[in-house]
Amino acid sequence: MIDFVTCHSRLLVLLTIILAQITQVFHQVLSISPCIPHHMSILTGHAWVLELLTGHP
C-alpha cells in the first residue's frame, strides 16, 4: 500500500506538470504578434505585367 507521503508527492508532481503545460499554452497564445501585410504592391493587373515586361525605369 502507498503511504500518504508518497501519494502526496506524486500528486504534487502531477499538479506541477499540469501547471507548467497550462503556463506554456498561455504564453504561446498571448505572444502571437498581429499579422502585418507584406504584399502591398501598388501595381496590379495590367500595370504589374507591364512592369515585368519592361523592367523598372
PDB file of N, CA and C in Angstrom:
ATOM      1  N   MET A   1       0.838  -1.185   0.000  1.00  0.00           N
ATOM      2  CA  MET A   1       0.000   0.000   0.000  1.00  0.00           C
ATOM      3  C   MET A   1       0.885   1.252   0.000  1.00  0.00           C
ATOM      4  N   ILE A   2       0.462   2.259  -0.753  1.00  0.00           N
ATOM      5  CA  ILE A   2       1.223   3.504  -0.862  1.00  0.00           C
ATOM      6  C   ILE A   2       0.906   4.376   0.351  1.00  0.00           C
ATOM      7  N   ASP A   3       1.947   4.873   0.971  1.00  0.00           N
ATOM      8  CA  ASP A   3       1.722   5.714   2.144  1.00  0.00           C
ATOM      9  C   ASP A   3       1.315   7.136   1.728  1.00  0.00           C
ATOM     10  N   PHE A   4       0.908   7.895   2.694  1.00  0.00           N
ATOM     11  CA  PHE A   4       0.379   9.239   2.449  1.00  0.00           C
ATOM     12  C   PHE A   4       1.421  10.154   1.814  1.00  0.00           C
ATOM     13  N   VAL A   5       2.665  10.095   2.257  1.00  0.00           N
ATOM     14  CA  VAL A   5       3.714  10.991   1.753  1.00  0.00           C
ATOM     15  C   VAL A   5       4.002  10.704   0.287  1.00  0.00           C
ATOM     16  N   THR A   6       4.074   9.427  -0.080  1.00  0.00           N
ATOM     17  CA  THR A   6       4.335   9.067  -1.473  1.00  0.00           C
ATOM     18  C   THR A   6       3.180   9.518  -2.362  1.00  0.00           C
ATOM     19  N   CYS A   7       1.967   9.289  -1.933  1.00  0.00           N
ATOM     20  CA  CYS A   7       0.789   9.705  -2.687  1.00  0.00           C
ATOM     21  C   CYS A   7       0.749  11.227  -2.835  1.00  0.00           C
ATOM     22  N   HIS A   8       1.050  11.930  -1.769  1.00  0.00           N
ATOM     23  CA  HIS A   8       1.056  13.396  -1.787  1.00  0.00           C
ATOM     24  C   HIS A   8       2.148  13.915  -2.716  1.00  0.00           C
ATOM     25  N   SER A   9       3.314  13.287  -2.710  1.00  0.00           N
ATOM     26  CA  SER A   9       4.419  13.696  -3.571  1.00  0.00           C
ATOM     27  C   SER A   9       4.067  13.497  -5.044  1.00  0.00           C
ATOM     28  N   ARG A  10       3.453  12.373  -5.354  1.00  0.00           N
ATOM     29  CA  ARG A  10       3.058  12.101  -6.740  1.00  0.00           C
ATOM     30  C   ARG A  10       2.002  13.099  -7.219  1.00  0.00           C
ATOM     31  N   LEU A  11       1.069  13.409  -6.370  1.00  0.00           N
ATOM     32  CA  LEU A  11       0.047  14.382  -6.706  1.00  0.00           C
ATOM     33  C   LEU A  11       0.661  15.763  -6.939  1.00  0.00           C
ATOM     34  N   LEU A  12       1.616  16.131  -6.121  1.00  0.00           N
ATOM     35  CA  LEU A  12       2.293  17.416  -6.267  1.00  0.00           C
ATOM     36  C   LEU A  12       3.059  17.484  -7.589  1.00  0.00           C
ATOM     37  N   VAL A  13       3.734  16.402  -7.956  1.00  0.00           N
ATOM     38  CA  VAL A  13       4.457  16.355  -9.236  1.00  0.00           C
ATOM     39  C   VAL A  13       3.473  16.474 -10.398  1.00  0.00           C
ATOM     40  N   LEU A  14       2.369  15.749 -10.334  1.00  0.00           N
ATOM     41  CA  LEU A  14       1.356  15.804 -11.388  1.00  0.00           C
ATOM     42  C   LEU A  14       0.786  17.210 -11.530  1.00  0.00           C
ATOM     43  N   LEU A  15       0.456  17.855 -10.438  1.00  0.00           N
ATOM     44  CA  LEU A  15      -0.076  19.217 -10.488  1.00  0.00           C
ATOM     45  C   LEU A  15       0.947  20.210 -11.022  1.00  0.00           C
ATOM     46  N   THR A  16       2.212  20.000 -10.705  1.00  0.00           N
ATOM     47  CA  THR A  16       3.273  20.874 -11.216  1.00  0.00           C
ATOM     48  C   THR A  16       3.397  20.732 -12.730  1.00  0.00           C
ATOM     49  N   ILE A  17       3.323  19.512 -13.226  1.00  0.00           N
ATOM     50  CA  ILE A  17       3.401  19.286 -14.673  1.00  0.00           C
ATOM     51  C   ILE A  17       2.208  19.920 -15.379  1.00  0.00           C
ATOM     52  N   ILE A  18       1.016  19.753 -14.820  1.00  0.00           N
ATOM     53  CA  ILE A  18      -0.184  20.351 -15.423  1.00  0.00           C
ATOM     54  C   ILE A  18      -0.090  21.869 -15.431  1.00  0.00           C
ATOM     55  N   LEU A  19       0.362  22.452 -14.349  1.00  0.00           N
ATOM     56  CA  LEU A  19       0.517  23.906 -14.278  1.00  0.00           C
ATOM     57  C   LEU A  19       1.550  24.402 -15.291  1.00  0.00           C
ATOM     58  N   ALA A  20       2.631  23.668 -15.471  1.00  0.00           N
ATOM     59  CA  ALA A  20       3.651  24.050 -16.454  1.00  0.00           C
ATOM     60  C   ALA A  20       3.081  24.017 -17.867  1.00  0.00           C
ATOM     61  N   GLN A  21       2.268  23.010 -18.180  1.00  0.00           N
ATOM     62  CA  GLN A  21       1.652  22.918 -19.507  1.00  0.00           C
ATOM     63  C   GLN A  21       0.672  24.061 -19.740  1.00  0.00           C
ATOM     64  N   ILE A  22      -0.126  24.373 -18.750  1.00  0.00           N
ATOM     65  CA  ILE A  22      -1.081  25.477 -18.881  1.00  0.00           C
ATOM     66  C   ILE A  22      -0.349  26.800 -19.070  1.00  0.00           C
ATOM     67  N   THR A  23       0.724  27.001 -18.335  1.00  0.00           N
ATOM     68  CA  THR A  23       1.519  28.226 -18.464  1.00  0.00           C
ATOM     69  C   THR A  23       2.113  28.336 -19.861  1.00  0.00           C
ATOM     70  N   GLN A  24       2.593  27.230 -20.400  1.00  0.00           N
ATOM     71  CA  GLN A  24       3.173  27.244 -21.741  1.00  0.00           C
ATOM     72  C   GLN A  24       2.120  27.588 -22.795  1.00  0.00           C
ATOM     73  N   VAL A  25       0.919  27.042 -22.665  1.00  0.00           N
ATOM     74  CA  VAL A  25      -0.148  27.344 -23.620  1.00  0.00           C
ATOM     75  C   VAL A  25      -0.523  28.822 -23.561  1.00  0.00           C
ATOM     76  N   PHE A  26      -0.672  29.364 -22.370  1.00  0.00           N
ATOM     77  CA  PHE A  26      -0.984  30.792 -22.240  1.00  0.00           C
ATOM     78  C   PHE A  26       0.116  31.658 -22.830  1.00  0.00           C
ATOM     79  N   HIS A  27       1.359  31.284 -22.630  1.00  0.00           N
ATOM     80  CA  HIS A  27       2.477  32.047 -23.189  1.00  0.00           C
ATOM     81  C   HIS A  27       2.426  32.035 -24.712  1.00  0.00           C
ATOM     82  N   GLN A  28       2.137  30.878 -25.305  1.00  0.00           N
ATOM     83  CA  GLN A  28       2.070  30.793 -26.765  1.00  0.00           C
ATOM     84  C   GLN A  28       0.893  31.585 -27.309  1.00  0.00           C
ATOM     85  N   VAL A  29      -0.226  31.551 -26.631  1.00  0.00           N
ATOM     86  CA  VAL A  29      -1.410  32.268 -27.108  1.00  0.00           C
ATOM     87  C   VAL A  29      -1.215  33.778 -26.997  1.00  0.00           C
ATOM     88  N   LEU A  30      -0.644  34.231 -25.909  1.00  0.00           N
ATOM     89  CA  LEU A  30      -0.512  35.666 -25.686  1.00  0.00           C
ATOM     90  C   LEU A  30       0.658  36.293 -26.424  1.00  0.00           C
ATOM     91  N   SER A  31       1.614  35.483 -26.887  1.00  0.00           N
ATOM     92  CA  SER A  31       2.784  36.051 -27.550  1.00  0.00           C
ATOM     93  C   SER A  31       2.652  36.084 -29.068  1.00  0.00           C
ATOM     94  N   ILE A  32       1.456  35.784 -29.595  1.00  0.00           N
ATOM     95  CA  ILE A  32       1.248  35.842 -31.041  1.00  0.00           C
ATOM     96  C   ILE A  32       1.198  37.306 -31.458  1.00  0.00           C
ATOM     97  N   SER A  33       2.061  37.675 -32.390  1.00  0.00           N
ATOM     98  CA  SER A  33       2.085  39.058 -32.855  1.00  0.00           C
ATOM     99  C   SER A  33       0.998  39.256 -33.913  1.00  0.00           C
ATOM    100  N   PRO A  34       0.494  40.472 -34.034  1.00  0.00           N
ATOM    101  CA  PRO A  34      -0.546  40.730 -35.030  1.00  0.00           C
ATOM    102  C   PRO A  34      -0.002  40.550 -36.447  1.00  0.00           C
ATOM    103  N   CYS A  35      -0.871  40.166 -37.348  1.00  0.00           N
ATOM    104  CA  CYS A  35      -0.462  39.957 -38.741  1.00  0.00           C
ATOM    105  C   CYS A  35      -0.135  41.299 -39.390  1.00  0.00           C
ATOM    106  N   ILE A  36       0.965  41.320 -40.096  1.00  0.00           N
ATOM    107  CA  ILE A  36       1.387  42.519 -40.811  1.00  0.00           C
ATOM    108  C   ILE A  36       1.363  42.197 -42.305  1.00  0.00           C
ATOM    109  N   PRO A  37       0.565  42.914 -43.086  1.00  0.00           N
ATOM    110  CA  PRO A  37       0.515  42.623 -44.525  1.00  0.00           C
ATOM    111  C   PRO A  37       1.865  42.874 -45.174  1.00  0.00           C
ATOM    112  N   HIS A  38       2.267  41.991 -46.081  1.00  0.00           N
ATOM    113  CA  HIS A  38       3.569  42.154 -46.711  1.00  0.00           C
ATOM    114  C   HIS A  38       3.482  42.167 -48.232  1.00  0.00           C
ATOM    115  N   HIS A  39       2.320  41.957 -48.823  1.00  0.00           N
ATOM    116  CA  HIS A  39       2.138  42.080 -50.268  1.00  0.00           C
ATOM    117  C   HIS A  39       1.370  43.368 -50.527  1.00  0.00           C
ATOM    118  N   MET A  40       2.081  44.477 -50.521  1.00  0.00           N
ATOM    119  CA  MET A  40       1.437  45.787 -50.595  1.00  0.00           C
ATOM    120  C   MET A  40       1.819  46.540 -51.866  1.00  0.00           C
ATOM    121  N   SER A  41       2.036  45.825 -52.962  1.00  0.00           N
ATOM    122  CA  SER A  41       2.430  46.472 -54.206  1.00  0.00           C
ATOM    123  C   SER A  41       1.296  47.315 -54.750  1.00  0.00           C
ATOM    124  N   ILE A  42       1.640  48.486 -55.272  1.00  0.00           N
ATOM    125  CA  ILE A  42       0.637  49.354 -55.892  1.00  0.00           C
ATOM    126  C   ILE A  42       0.310  48.851 -57.294  1.00  0.00           C
ATOM    127  N   LEU A  43       1.207  48.030 -57.858  1.00  0.00           N
ATOM    128  CA  LEU A  43       0.992  47.508 -59.199  1.00  0.00           C
ATOM    129  C   LEU A  43       0.114  46.260 -59.147  1.00  0.00           C
ATOM    130  N   THR A  44      -0.978  46.308 -59.910  1.00  0.00           N
ATOM    131  CA  THR A  44      -1.863  45.155 -60.008  1.00  0.00           C
ATOM    132  C   THR A  44      -2.284  44.991 -61.459  1.00  0.00           C
ATOM    133  N   GLY A  45      -2.597  43.791 -61.838  1.00  0.00           N
ATOM    134  CA  GLY A  45      -3.145  43.531 -63.171  1.00  0.00           C
ATOM    135  C   GLY A  45      -2.209  43.950 -64.287  1.00  0.00           C
ATOM    136  N   HIS A  46      -2.730  44.796 -65.191  1.00  0.00           N
ATOM    137  CA  HIS A  46      -2.013  45.220 -66.397  1.00  0.00           C
ATOM    138  C   HIS A  46      -0.716  45.973 -66.062  1.00  0.00           C
ATOM    139  N   ALA A  47      -0.764  46.840 -65.066  1.00  0.00           N
ATOM    140  CA  ALA A  47       0.436  47.601 -64.695  1.00  0.00           C
ATOM    141  C   ALA A  47       1.536  46.672 -64.174  1.00  0.00           C
ATOM    142  N   TRP A  48       1.166  45.617 -63.484  1.00  0.00           N
ATOM    143  CA  TRP A  48       2.147  44.667 -62.965  1.00  0.00           C
ATOM    144  C   TRP A  48       2.818  43.917 -64.102  1.00  0.00           C
ATOM    145  N   VAL A  49       2.029  43.497 -65.105  1.00  0.00           N
ATOM    146  CA  VAL A  49       2.589  42.777 -66.256  1.00  0.00           C
ATOM    147  C   VAL A  49       3.517  43.692 -67.036  1.00  0.00           C
ATOM    148  N   LEU A  50       3.128  44.948 -67.231  1.00  0.00           N
ATOM    149  CA  LEU A  50       3.989  45.893 -67.953  1.00  0.00           C
ATOM    150  C   LEU A  50       5.309  46.105 -67.208  1.00  0.00           C
ATOM    151  N   GLU A  51       5.256  46.164 -65.869  1.00  0.00           N
ATOM    152  CA  GLU A  51       6.465  46.319 -65.073  1.00  0.00           C
ATOM    153  C   GLU A  51       7.371  45.102 -65.239  1.00  0.00           C
ATOM    154  N   LEU A  52       6.785  43.929 -65.302  1.00  0.00           N
ATOM    155  CA  LEU A  52       7.582  42.715 -65.513  1.00  0.00           C
ATOM    156  C   LEU A  52       8.238  42.704 -66.892  1.00  0.00           C
ATOM    157  N   LEU A  53       7.489  43.112 -67.908  1.00  0.00           N
ATOM    158  CA  LEU A  53       7.998  43.054 -69.275  1.00  0.00           C
ATOM    159  C   LEU A  53       9.015  44.158 -69.564  1.00  0.00           C
ATOM    160  N   THR A  54       8.784  45.341 -69.065  1.00  0.00           N
ATOM    161  CA  THR A  54       9.653  46.473 -69.408  1.00  0.00           C
ATOM    162  C   THR A  54      10.733  46.736 -68.361  1.00  0.00           C
ATOM    163  N   GLY A  55      10.582  46.217 -67.195  1.00  0.00           N
ATOM    164  CA  GLY A  55      11.566  46.450 -66.145  1.00  0.00           C
ATOM    165  C   GLY A  55      11.310  47.755 -65.432  1.00  0.00           C
ATOM    166  N   HIS A  56      12.086  47.966 -64.386  1.00  0.00           N
ATOM    167  CA  HIS A  56      11.952  49.181 -63.586  1.00  0.00           C
ATOM    168  C   HIS A  56      12.743  50.299 -64.241  1.00  0.00           C
ATOM    169  N   PRO A  57      12.089  51.438 -64.493  1.00  0.00           N
ATOM    170  CA  PRO A  57      12.793  52.544 -65.164  1.00  0.00           C
ATOM    171  C   PRO A  57      13.893  53.152 -64.333  1.00  0.00           C
TER     172      PRO A  57
END
